[in-house]
Amino acid sequence: MTMQRLDSFTYQDKPAEAISISRRFSFTPKNNFGIIVTPCETSNWRGFWCDYCIDTSFIIKNIYIFAKNLDGLQLFGKNPKEIPEYKNLLDKINEKRKDSLKYSNGFPMMYEDINYLFKYTGQIVLGINPNTKKYDTERYEKVYEMDYKEGILVQQKDITAIWKTANENETKFWWQEEKNEYFYLINYSFMGIEKKT
């Protein structure tokens, strides 16, 4: 299966990565907004992805949706917009074609700055300011374990020191269990597919 396009995360305006989550995200455009999405490419079978801003609350700042019924459909007073990376791709395709393709025929749209409170209840391990050239315990400036109830931060722990020694420690932490691993959840559980064991 193709690796799925990941949601993006920021923490206090710094880039972040969701290392693990204790409970899968229940958010979908259909459940929360009544928008039925369809897969837009092999790297996005969900038909959507989100930019999350995580701090004292769990906010969806921007959402990118592929659906056939977005024309004129506002979310929180916002109209859908073309996504620059896809618009550039379409322009390149159209340079080589005699007839012009329409953006709405096959690209996702974005709703920008909707600032939607996602009422997530569970824990998330968040790596702050990742060094994308490193894939070890030195990858992050800080690592936080954050506990949310209905989208509001209940507790936050700085676990940077624990993170750096986690692989050497005999104690197994919850985020090291496969069922709590973020990429596993993106590829399987978000799509409603149970991983075969």
N, C-alpha and C. Protein backbone atom coordinates (compact mmCIF):
# COMPACT_ATOMS: atom_id res chain seq x y z
N MET A 1 0.84 -1.19 0.00
CA MET A 1 0.00 0.00 0.00
C MET A 1 0.88 1.25 0.00
N THR A 2 0.52 2.24 -0.80
CA THR A 2 1.27 3.50 -0.86
C THR A 2 1.19 4.22 0.49
N MET A 3 2.33 4.77 0.92
CA MET A 3 2.33 5.56 2.15
C MET A 3 1.36 6.72 2.00
N GLN A 4 0.50 6.89 3.00
CA GLN A 4 -0.54 7.91 2.91
C GLN A 4 -0.03 9.29 3.29
N ARG A 5 -0.60 10.29 2.66
CA ARG A 5 -0.22 11.67 2.93
C ARG A 5 -0.57 12.00 4.38
N LEU A 6 0.41 12.48 5.13
CA LEU A 6 0.22 12.73 6.55
C LEU A 6 -0.37 14.11 6.80
N ASP A 7 -1.09 14.22 7.89
CA ASP A 7 -1.51 15.53 8.36
C ASP A 7 -0.27 16.29 8.83
N SER A 8 -0.34 17.61 8.83
CA SER A 8 0.78 18.40 9.34
C SER A 8 0.42 18.96 10.71
N PHE A 9 1.44 19.20 11.52
CA PHE A 9 1.24 19.69 12.88
C PHE A 9 2.18 20.86 13.16
N THR A 10 1.67 21.83 13.93
CA THR A 10 2.52 22.87 14.48
C THR A 10 2.23 22.99 15.97
N TYR A 11 3.25 23.45 16.68
CA TYR A 11 3.12 23.69 18.12
C TYR A 11 3.71 25.06 18.40
N GLN A 12 2.88 26.00 18.85
CA GLN A 12 3.31 27.38 19.11
C GLN A 12 4.09 27.94 17.91
N ASP A 13 3.52 27.77 16.74
CA ASP A 13 4.08 28.26 15.47
C ASP A 13 5.36 27.56 15.03
N LYS A 14 5.75 26.48 15.72
CA LYS A 14 6.91 25.71 15.29
C LYS A 14 6.43 24.43 14.61
N PRO A 15 7.14 23.98 13.57
CA PRO A 15 6.75 22.71 12.95
C PRO A 15 6.89 21.57 13.96
N ALA A 16 6.01 20.60 13.83
CA ALA A 16 6.02 19.46 14.76
C ALA A 16 5.63 18.20 14.00
N GLU A 17 5.90 17.07 14.63
CA GLU A 17 5.49 15.78 14.07
C GLU A 17 4.74 14.99 15.14
N ALA A 18 3.64 14.38 14.75
CA ALA A 18 2.93 13.48 15.65
C ALA A 18 3.66 12.15 15.61
N ILE A 19 4.30 11.81 16.71
CA ILE A 19 5.05 10.57 16.79
C ILE A 19 4.11 9.41 17.07
N SER A 20 3.22 9.60 18.01
CA SER A 20 2.24 8.57 18.36
C SER A 20 0.98 9.21 18.89
N ILE A 21 -0.12 8.49 18.76
CA ILE A 21 -1.37 8.89 19.39
C ILE A 21 -1.96 7.68 20.09
N SER A 22 -2.57 7.90 21.24
CA SER A 22 -3.09 6.78 22.03
C SER A 22 -4.46 6.32 21.55
N ARG A 23 -5.11 7.17 20.79
CA ARG A 23 -6.46 6.86 20.31
C ARG A 23 -6.61 7.45 18.92
N ARG A 24 -7.13 6.67 18.00
CA ARG A 24 -7.20 7.17 16.64
C ARG A 24 -8.12 8.38 16.54
N PHE A 25 -7.84 9.23 15.58
CA PHE A 25 -8.66 10.43 15.37
C PHE A 25 -10.01 10.03 14.80
N SER A 26 -11.06 10.59 15.35
CA SER A 26 -12.42 10.29 14.88
C SER A 26 -12.90 11.29 13.85
N PHE A 27 -12.13 12.36 13.63
CA PHE A 27 -12.57 13.41 12.71
C PHE A 27 -12.63 12.91 11.27
N THR A 28 -13.74 13.19 10.58
CA THR A 28 -13.84 13.04 9.13
C THR A 28 -14.74 14.17 8.62
N PRO A 29 -14.53 14.63 7.40
CA PRO A 29 -15.42 15.67 6.86
C PRO A 29 -16.89 15.24 6.84
N LYS A 30 -17.14 13.94 6.63
CA LYS A 30 -18.53 13.46 6.61
C LYS A 30 -19.16 13.55 7.99
N ASN A 31 -18.46 13.03 9.01
CA ASN A 31 -19.02 13.03 10.36
C ASN A 31 -19.16 14.43 10.94
N ASN A 32 -18.18 15.29 10.67
CA ASN A 32 -18.16 16.60 11.30
C ASN A 32 -18.81 17.72 10.48
N PHE A 33 -18.76 17.59 9.15
CA PHE A 33 -19.29 18.66 8.30
C PHE A 33 -20.35 18.20 7.30
N GLY A 34 -20.60 16.90 7.23
CA GLY A 34 -21.57 16.39 6.27
C GLY A 34 -21.06 16.37 4.83
N ILE A 35 -19.74 16.42 4.63
CA ILE A 35 -19.15 16.43 3.29
C ILE A 35 -18.64 15.02 2.97
N ILE A 36 -19.15 14.45 1.90
CA ILE A 36 -18.72 13.11 1.48
C ILE A 36 -17.51 13.25 0.57
N VAL A 37 -16.40 12.66 1.01
CA VAL A 37 -15.15 12.76 0.25
C VAL A 37 -14.92 11.48 -0.55
N THR A 38 -14.04 11.58 -1.54
CA THR A 38 -13.63 10.41 -2.31
C THR A 38 -12.11 10.42 -2.42
N PRO A 39 -11.49 9.26 -2.62
CA PRO A 39 -10.02 9.24 -2.76
C PRO A 39 -9.59 10.12 -3.93
N CYS A 40 -8.52 10.89 -3.72
CA CYS A 40 -8.08 11.79 -4.80
C CYS A 40 -6.81 11.31 -5.48
N GLU A 41 -6.06 10.42 -4.82
CA GLU A 41 -4.84 9.89 -5.40
C GLU A 41 -4.41 8.70 -4.56
N THR A 42 -3.45 7.92 -5.05
CA THR A 42 -3.05 6.72 -4.31
C THR A 42 -2.44 7.05 -2.95
N SER A 43 -1.91 8.25 -2.80
CA SER A 43 -1.32 8.63 -1.51
C SER A 43 -2.32 9.29 -0.58
N ASN A 44 -3.59 9.32 -0.99
CA ASN A 44 -4.61 9.89 -0.11
C ASN A 44 -5.96 9.20 -0.32
N TRP A 45 -6.05 7.99 0.21
CA TRP A 45 -7.30 7.24 0.10
C TRP A 45 -8.39 7.82 1.00
N ARG A 46 -8.00 8.60 2.00
CA ARG A 46 -9.00 9.21 2.89
C ARG A 46 -9.80 10.29 2.17
N GLY A 47 -9.19 10.94 1.19
CA GLY A 47 -9.86 12.02 0.48
C GLY A 47 -9.73 13.36 1.17
N PHE A 48 -8.94 13.44 2.22
CA PHE A 48 -8.72 14.72 2.92
C PHE A 48 -7.45 14.62 3.76
N TRP A 49 -6.93 15.78 4.13
CA TRP A 49 -5.88 15.85 5.15
C TRP A 49 -5.99 17.20 5.82
N CYS A 50 -5.32 17.35 6.97
CA CYS A 50 -5.49 18.54 7.80
C CYS A 50 -4.17 19.13 8.25
N ASP A 51 -4.18 20.43 8.53
CA ASP A 51 -3.10 21.10 9.24
C ASP A 51 -3.61 21.35 10.66
N TYR A 52 -2.97 20.71 11.63
CA TYR A 52 -3.36 20.85 13.03
C TYR A 52 -2.43 21.83 13.75
N CYS A 53 -3.02 22.69 14.56
CA CYS A 53 -2.26 23.55 15.47
C CYS A 53 -2.54 23.05 16.88
N ILE A 54 -1.50 22.55 17.52
CA ILE A 54 -1.67 21.92 18.82
C ILE A 54 -0.98 22.75 19.89
N ASP A 55 -1.74 23.07 20.93
CA ASP A 55 -1.21 23.80 22.07
C ASP A 55 -2.19 23.58 23.22
N THR A 56 -2.77 24.65 23.76
CA THR A 56 -3.73 24.49 24.85
C THR A 56 -5.06 23.93 24.33
N SER A 57 -5.24 23.96 23.01
CA SER A 57 -6.40 23.32 22.40
C SER A 57 -5.95 22.64 21.11
N PHE A 58 -6.77 21.72 20.62
CA PHE A 58 -6.46 20.89 19.46
C PHE A 58 -7.25 21.45 18.28
N ILE A 59 -6.59 22.23 17.44
CA ILE A 59 -7.27 23.00 16.40
C ILE A 59 -6.94 22.48 15.01
N ILE A 60 -7.96 22.33 14.16
CA ILE A 60 -7.73 22.12 12.73
C ILE A 60 -7.72 23.52 12.10
N LYS A 61 -6.55 23.93 11.66
CA LYS A 61 -6.43 25.28 11.07
C LYS A 61 -6.90 25.28 9.62
N ASN A 62 -6.37 24.34 8.83
CA ASN A 62 -6.73 24.22 7.42
C ASN A 62 -7.14 22.79 7.12
N ILE A 63 -8.07 22.62 6.20
CA ILE A 63 -8.43 21.27 5.77
C ILE A 63 -8.45 21.23 4.25
N TYR A 64 -7.97 20.12 3.69
CA TYR A 64 -7.88 19.91 2.25
C TYR A 64 -8.81 18.75 1.92
N ILE A 65 -9.76 18.98 1.02
CA ILE A 65 -10.83 18.01 0.78
C ILE A 65 -11.00 17.75 -0.71
N PHE A 66 -11.14 16.47 -1.05
CA PHE A 66 -11.51 16.11 -2.42
C PHE A 66 -12.95 15.59 -2.39
N ALA A 67 -13.85 16.34 -2.99
CA ALA A 67 -15.26 15.97 -3.03
C ALA A 67 -15.90 16.63 -4.25
N LYS A 68 -17.03 16.08 -4.66
CA LYS A 68 -17.70 16.61 -5.86
C LYS A 68 -18.70 17.71 -5.55
N ASN A 69 -18.95 17.96 -4.27
CA ASN A 69 -20.03 18.90 -3.93
C ASN A 69 -19.54 20.14 -3.17
N LEU A 70 -18.35 20.65 -3.53
CA LEU A 70 -17.79 21.78 -2.79
C LEU A 70 -18.13 23.14 -3.38
N ASP A 71 -18.64 23.18 -4.60
CA ASP A 71 -18.94 24.47 -5.24
C ASP A 71 -19.93 25.27 -4.39
N GLY A 72 -19.47 26.44 -3.94
CA GLY A 72 -20.34 27.32 -3.15
C GLY A 72 -20.56 26.88 -1.72
N LEU A 73 -19.92 25.78 -1.30
CA LEU A 73 -20.10 25.28 0.05
C LEU A 73 -19.09 25.93 1.00
N GLN A 74 -19.57 26.73 1.93
CA GLN A 74 -18.70 27.41 2.89
C GLN A 74 -18.55 26.58 4.16
N LEU A 75 -17.38 26.71 4.78
CA LEU A 75 -17.14 26.16 6.12
C LEU A 75 -16.74 27.33 7.00
N PHE A 76 -17.53 27.61 8.03
CA PHE A 76 -17.24 28.69 8.97
C PHE A 76 -17.01 30.01 8.23
N GLY A 77 -17.83 30.25 7.22
CA GLY A 77 -17.75 31.49 6.46
C GLY A 77 -16.64 31.53 5.43
N LYS A 78 -15.94 30.41 5.23
CA LYS A 78 -14.83 30.36 4.28
C LYS A 78 -15.24 29.60 3.02
N ASN A 79 -14.84 30.13 1.88
CA ASN A 79 -15.06 29.45 0.61
C ASN A 79 -13.88 28.53 0.30
N PRO A 80 -14.11 27.44 -0.43
CA PRO A 80 -12.98 26.58 -0.81
C PRO A 80 -12.07 27.30 -1.81
N LYS A 81 -10.76 27.00 -1.71
CA LYS A 81 -9.77 27.63 -2.59
C LYS A 81 -8.96 26.55 -3.30
N GLU A 82 -8.37 26.94 -4.42
CA GLU A 82 -7.44 26.04 -5.10
C GLU A 82 -6.18 25.90 -4.25
N ILE A 83 -5.56 24.73 -4.29
CA ILE A 83 -4.32 24.48 -3.56
C ILE A 83 -3.16 24.78 -4.51
N PRO A 84 -2.26 25.69 -4.13
CA PRO A 84 -1.20 26.13 -5.06
C PRO A 84 -0.43 24.99 -5.72
N GLU A 85 -0.04 23.95 -4.97
CA GLU A 85 0.78 22.90 -5.58
C GLU A 85 0.02 22.16 -6.69
N TYR A 86 -1.28 21.98 -6.52
CA TYR A 86 -2.08 21.32 -7.55
C TYR A 86 -2.38 22.27 -8.71
N LYS A 87 -2.58 23.54 -8.41
CA LYS A 87 -2.80 24.54 -9.46
C LYS A 87 -1.58 24.62 -10.37
N ASN A 88 -0.39 24.61 -9.78
CA ASN A 88 0.85 24.64 -10.58
C ASN A 88 0.96 23.40 -11.46
N LEU A 89 0.58 22.25 -10.90
CA LEU A 89 0.60 21.01 -11.66
C LEU A 89 -0.36 21.09 -12.85
N LEU A 90 -1.55 21.59 -12.60
CA LEU A 90 -2.55 21.72 -13.67
C LEU A 90 -2.05 22.67 -14.76
N ASP A 91 -1.43 23.77 -14.37
CA ASP A 91 -0.90 24.73 -15.35
C ASP A 91 0.15 24.07 -16.24
N LYS A 92 1.00 23.22 -15.65
CA LYS A 92 2.03 22.53 -16.44
C LYS A 92 1.40 21.54 -17.42
N ILE A 93 0.36 20.84 -16.95
CA ILE A 93 -0.34 19.90 -17.83
C ILE A 93 -0.99 20.64 -18.99
N ASN A 94 -1.62 21.77 -18.68
CA ASN A 94 -2.33 22.53 -19.71
C ASN A 94 -1.41 23.16 -20.75
N GLU A 95 -0.15 23.39 -20.37
CA GLU A 95 0.82 23.92 -21.33
C GLU A 95 1.03 22.95 -22.48
N LYS A 96 0.86 21.65 -22.21
CA LYS A 96 1.13 20.61 -23.20
C LYS A 96 -0.14 20.14 -23.91
N ARG A 97 -1.28 20.69 -23.52
CA ARG A 97 -2.56 20.26 -24.09
C ARG A 97 -3.21 21.38 -24.89
N LYS A 98 -3.99 21.00 -25.88
CA LYS A 98 -4.73 22.00 -26.65
C LYS A 98 -5.97 22.44 -25.90
N ASP A 99 -6.63 21.48 -25.26
CA ASP A 99 -7.83 21.82 -24.50
C ASP A 99 -7.46 22.00 -23.04
N SER A 100 -8.14 22.89 -22.36
CA SER A 100 -7.81 23.22 -20.98
C SER A 100 -8.61 22.36 -20.00
N LEU A 101 -7.90 21.76 -19.06
CA LEU A 101 -8.56 21.02 -17.99
C LEU A 101 -9.07 22.01 -16.95
N LYS A 102 -10.11 21.65 -16.23
CA LYS A 102 -10.62 22.49 -15.16
C LYS A 102 -10.12 21.95 -13.82
N TYR A 103 -9.78 22.86 -12.94
CA TYR A 103 -9.29 22.48 -11.60
C TYR A 103 -10.30 21.59 -10.89
N SER A 104 -11.57 21.93 -11.00
CA SER A 104 -12.61 21.21 -10.27
C SER A 104 -12.83 19.79 -10.76
N ASN A 105 -12.20 19.42 -11.88
CA ASN A 105 -12.39 18.08 -12.42
C ASN A 105 -11.57 17.01 -11.72
N GLY A 106 -10.64 17.38 -10.88
CA GLY A 106 -9.84 16.31 -10.30
C GLY A 106 -8.84 16.67 -9.23
N PHE A 107 -9.01 17.82 -8.59
CA PHE A 107 -8.06 18.21 -7.56
C PHE A 107 -8.78 18.56 -6.26
N PRO A 108 -8.13 18.29 -5.11
CA PRO A 108 -8.74 18.70 -3.84
C PRO A 108 -8.74 20.21 -3.70
N MET A 109 -9.61 20.69 -2.82
CA MET A 109 -9.70 22.12 -2.51
C MET A 109 -9.33 22.32 -1.05
N MET A 110 -8.99 23.56 -0.70
CA MET A 110 -8.61 23.84 0.69
C MET A 110 -9.55 24.85 1.33
N TYR A 111 -9.82 24.62 2.61
CA TYR A 111 -10.50 25.62 3.44
C TYR A 111 -9.44 26.13 4.40
N GLU A 112 -9.12 27.41 4.28
CA GLU A 112 -8.01 28.01 5.02
C GLU A 112 -8.51 28.76 6.24
N ASP A 113 -7.74 28.63 7.35
CA ASP A 113 -8.02 29.36 8.59
C ASP A 113 -9.44 29.13 9.12
N ILE A 114 -9.87 27.86 9.14
CA ILE A 114 -11.20 27.60 9.71
C ILE A 114 -11.15 27.52 11.23
N ASN A 115 -9.97 27.19 11.79
CA ASN A 115 -9.75 27.16 13.25
C ASN A 115 -10.85 26.39 13.98
N TYR A 116 -11.02 25.15 13.57
CA TYR A 116 -12.05 24.27 14.11
C TYR A 116 -11.52 23.48 15.30
N LEU A 117 -12.20 23.56 16.43
CA LEU A 117 -11.80 22.80 17.62
C LEU A 117 -12.13 21.33 17.39
N PHE A 118 -11.10 20.52 17.28
CA PHE A 118 -11.27 19.07 17.14
C PHE A 118 -11.31 18.48 18.55
N LYS A 119 -12.43 17.89 18.90
CA LYS A 119 -12.64 17.44 20.29
C LYS A 119 -12.00 16.07 20.54
N TYR A 120 -10.70 16.04 20.34
CA TYR A 120 -9.94 14.81 20.55
C TYR A 120 -9.75 14.55 22.04
N THR A 121 -9.98 13.30 22.44
CA THR A 121 -9.69 12.88 23.81
C THR A 121 -8.68 11.75 23.73
N GLY A 122 -7.51 11.97 24.30
CA GLY A 122 -6.44 10.98 24.25
C GLY A 122 -5.10 11.66 24.40
N GLN A 123 -4.07 10.86 24.24
CA GLN A 123 -2.70 11.38 24.36
C GLN A 123 -2.04 11.44 22.99
N ILE A 124 -1.13 12.36 22.88
CA ILE A 124 -0.33 12.48 21.66
C ILE A 124 1.11 12.77 22.06
N VAL A 125 2.05 12.09 21.43
CA VAL A 125 3.47 12.40 21.61
C VAL A 125 3.88 13.25 20.42
N LEU A 126 4.35 14.46 20.72
CA LEU A 126 4.63 15.45 19.69
C LEU A 126 6.11 15.82 19.70
N GLY A 127 6.76 15.65 18.56
CA GLY A 127 8.16 16.06 18.41
C GLY A 127 8.21 17.46 17.83
N ILE A 128 8.91 18.37 18.51
CA ILE A 128 8.92 19.79 18.14
C ILE A 128 10.16 20.13 17.32
N ASN A 129 9.93 20.93 16.27
CA ASN A 129 11.00 21.45 15.42
C ASN A 129 11.92 20.33 14.91
N PRO A 130 11.38 19.40 14.12
CA PRO A 130 12.20 18.26 13.68
C PRO A 130 13.33 18.65 12.75
N ASN A 131 14.46 17.99 12.94
CA ASN A 131 15.58 18.09 12.02
C ASN A 131 15.36 16.99 10.99
N THR A 132 14.93 17.37 9.80
CA THR A 132 14.53 16.37 8.81
C THR A 132 15.69 15.54 8.26
N LYS A 133 16.93 15.91 8.63
CA LYS A 133 18.09 15.13 8.19
C LYS A 133 18.42 14.02 9.18
N LYS A 134 17.73 14.00 10.32
CA LYS A 134 18.02 13.00 11.35
C LYS A 134 16.80 12.11 11.57
N TYR A 135 17.05 10.84 11.80
CA TYR A 135 15.97 9.89 12.06
C TYR A 135 16.26 9.09 13.32
N ASP A 136 16.83 9.77 14.31
CA ASP A 136 17.15 9.09 15.56
C ASP A 136 16.60 9.90 16.72
N THR A 137 17.11 9.62 17.92
CA THR A 137 16.60 10.30 19.11
C THR A 137 16.99 11.78 19.15
N GLU A 138 17.86 12.22 18.26
CA GLU A 138 18.27 13.63 18.20
C GLU A 138 17.43 14.42 17.19
N ARG A 139 16.40 13.82 16.64
CA ARG A 139 15.61 14.47 15.58
C ARG A 139 14.88 15.72 16.06
N TYR A 140 14.46 15.72 17.34
CA TYR A 140 13.58 16.80 17.82
C TYR A 140 14.26 17.70 18.85
N GLU A 141 13.89 18.97 18.78
CA GLU A 141 14.35 19.95 19.77
C GLU A 141 13.76 19.63 21.15
N LYS A 142 12.48 19.28 21.15
CA LYS A 142 11.76 18.87 22.37
C LYS A 142 10.76 17.79 22.00
N VAL A 143 10.41 16.97 22.98
CA VAL A 143 9.35 15.98 22.79
C VAL A 143 8.39 16.10 23.96
N TYR A 144 7.10 16.28 23.63
CA TYR A 144 6.08 16.44 24.67
C TYR A 144 5.06 15.32 24.58
N GLU A 145 4.62 14.87 25.73
CA GLU A 145 3.46 13.99 25.82
C GLU A 145 2.31 14.87 26.29
N MET A 146 1.27 14.94 25.46
CA MET A 146 0.17 15.86 25.74
C MET A 146 -1.13 15.08 25.87
N ASP A 147 -1.90 15.43 26.88
CA ASP A 147 -3.14 14.73 27.20
C ASP A 147 -4.31 15.70 26.98
N TYR A 148 -5.23 15.31 26.11
CA TYR A 148 -6.38 16.16 25.76
C TYR A 148 -7.69 15.53 26.18
N LYS A 149 -8.62 16.38 26.57
CA LYS A 149 -9.99 15.95 26.82
C LYS A 149 -10.91 16.89 26.05
N GLU A 150 -11.67 16.32 25.12
CA GLU A 150 -12.58 17.11 24.28
C GLU A 150 -11.87 18.28 23.60
N GLY A 151 -10.62 18.05 23.20
CA GLY A 151 -9.87 19.06 22.46
C GLY A 151 -9.15 20.09 23.30
N ILE A 152 -9.25 19.98 24.62
CA ILE A 152 -8.60 20.94 25.53
C ILE A 152 -7.46 20.24 26.27
N LEU A 153 -6.30 20.90 26.33
CA LEU A 153 -5.14 20.33 26.99
C LEU A 153 -5.37 20.19 28.48
N VAL A 154 -5.18 18.96 28.99
CA VAL A 154 -5.35 18.67 30.42
C VAL A 154 -4.00 18.62 31.10
N GLN A 155 -3.03 18.02 30.42
CA GLN A 155 -1.69 17.86 31.01
C GLN A 155 -0.65 17.78 29.91
N GLN A 156 0.52 18.33 30.18
CA GLN A 156 1.63 18.26 29.24
C GLN A 156 2.91 17.92 29.99
N LYS A 157 3.66 16.94 29.47
CA LYS A 157 4.93 16.55 30.09
C LYS A 157 6.05 16.70 29.06
N ASP A 158 7.16 17.24 29.51
CA ASP A 158 8.35 17.28 28.68
C ASP A 158 9.05 15.92 28.85
N ILE A 159 9.02 15.11 27.79
CA ILE A 159 9.62 13.77 27.88
C ILE A 159 10.86 13.66 26.98
N THR A 160 11.50 14.80 26.71
CA THR A 160 12.68 14.80 25.83
C THR A 160 13.76 13.86 26.34
N ALA A 161 14.03 13.91 27.62
CA ALA A 161 15.08 13.05 28.20
C ALA A 161 14.70 11.57 28.10
N ILE A 162 13.44 11.27 28.37
CA ILE A 162 12.97 9.88 28.27
C ILE A 162 13.04 9.41 26.82
N TRP A 163 12.63 10.28 25.91
CA TRP A 163 12.65 9.94 24.49
C TRP A 163 14.04 9.56 24.02
N LYS A 164 15.04 10.29 24.48
CA LYS A 164 16.41 10.05 24.03
C LYS A 164 16.97 8.72 24.53
N THR A 165 16.38 8.19 25.58
CA THR A 165 16.88 6.92 26.13
C THR A 165 15.85 5.79 25.99
N ALA A 166 14.74 6.05 25.31
CA ALA A 166 13.64 5.07 25.24
C ALA A 166 14.08 3.74 24.66
N ASN A 167 14.92 3.75 23.64
CA ASN A 167 15.33 2.50 23.01
C ASN A 167 16.33 1.71 23.85
N GLU A 168 16.98 2.38 24.80
CA GLU A 168 17.94 1.71 25.67
C GLU A 168 17.27 1.20 26.95
N ASN A 169 16.09 1.73 27.24
CA ASN A 169 15.40 1.42 28.48
C ASN A 169 14.62 0.12 28.34
N GLU A 170 14.65 -0.71 29.38
CA GLU A 170 13.90 -1.97 29.34
C GLU A 170 12.40 -1.76 29.47
N THR A 171 12.01 -0.62 30.01
CA THR A 171 10.59 -0.32 30.17
C THR A 171 9.98 -0.01 28.82
N LYS A 172 8.82 -0.59 28.52
CA LYS A 172 8.11 -0.33 27.28
C LYS A 172 7.11 0.80 27.51
N PHE A 173 7.23 1.88 26.73
CA PHE A 173 6.32 3.01 26.86
C PHE A 173 5.14 2.82 25.92
N TRP A 174 4.00 3.43 26.24
CA TRP A 174 2.79 3.22 25.44
C TRP A 174 2.97 3.58 23.98
N TRP A 175 3.76 4.59 23.70
CA TRP A 175 3.90 5.04 22.31
C TRP A 175 4.76 4.11 21.47
N GLN A 176 5.43 3.15 22.10
CA GLN A 176 6.25 2.19 21.36
C GLN A 176 5.46 0.97 20.90
N GLU A 177 4.22 0.87 21.34
CA GLU A 177 3.39 -0.25 20.91
C GLU A 177 2.81 0.05 19.54
N GLU A 178 2.82 -0.94 18.67
CA GLU A 178 2.41 -0.73 17.28
C GLU A 178 1.01 -0.16 17.16
N LYS A 179 0.11 -0.56 18.01
CA LYS A 179 -1.28 -0.08 17.91
C LYS A 179 -1.39 1.42 18.17
N ASN A 180 -0.37 2.01 18.79
CA ASN A 180 -0.39 3.44 19.08
C ASN A 180 0.51 4.25 18.15
N GLU A 181 1.01 3.61 17.11
CA GLU A 181 1.97 4.28 16.24
C GLU A 181 1.24 5.06 15.16
N TYR A 182 1.61 6.31 14.97
CA TYR A 182 0.86 7.24 14.11
C TYR A 182 0.77 6.78 12.65
N PHE A 183 1.87 6.31 12.09
CA PHE A 183 1.86 5.92 10.69
C PHE A 183 0.95 4.71 10.48
N TYR A 184 0.96 3.79 11.43
CA TYR A 184 0.06 2.64 11.38
C TYR A 184 -1.39 3.12 11.33
N LEU A 185 -1.71 4.09 12.18
CA LEU A 185 -3.08 4.60 12.24
C LEU A 185 -3.47 5.33 10.96
N ILE A 186 -2.55 6.11 10.40
CA ILE A 186 -2.83 6.81 9.15
C ILE A 186 -3.14 5.80 8.04
N ASN A 187 -2.32 4.77 7.93
CA ASN A 187 -2.45 3.85 6.81
C ASN A 187 -3.62 2.88 6.92
N TYR A 188 -4.03 2.58 8.14
CA TYR A 188 -5.06 1.56 8.29
C TYR A 188 -6.32 2.08 8.99
N SER A 189 -6.20 2.45 10.23
CA SER A 189 -7.40 2.73 11.02
C SER A 189 -8.20 3.91 10.50
N PHE A 190 -7.54 4.95 9.99
CA PHE A 190 -8.27 6.10 9.49
C PHE A 190 -9.17 5.71 8.32
N MET A 191 -8.75 4.68 7.59
CA MET A 191 -9.49 4.26 6.43
C MET A 191 -10.53 3.19 6.79
N GLY A 192 -10.62 2.83 8.05
CA GLY A 192 -11.58 1.83 8.47
C GLY A 192 -11.16 0.42 8.11
N ILE A 193 -9.86 0.24 7.85
CA ILE A 193 -9.34 -1.09 7.50
C ILE A 193 -8.58 -1.64 8.69
N GLU A 194 -8.89 -2.83 9.08
CA GLU A 194 -8.15 -3.46 10.17
C GLU A 194 -6.93 -4.16 9.61
N LYS A 195 -5.81 -3.95 10.25
CA LYS A 195 -4.58 -4.59 9.79
C LYS A 195 -4.64 -6.09 10.07
N LYS A 196 -4.32 -6.89 9.07
CA LYS A 196 -4.32 -8.34 9.23
C LYS A 196 -3.06 -8.78 9.98
N THR A 197 -3.24 -9.64 10.95
CA THR A 197 -2.07 -10.13 11.72
C THR A 197 -1.83 -11.59 11.46
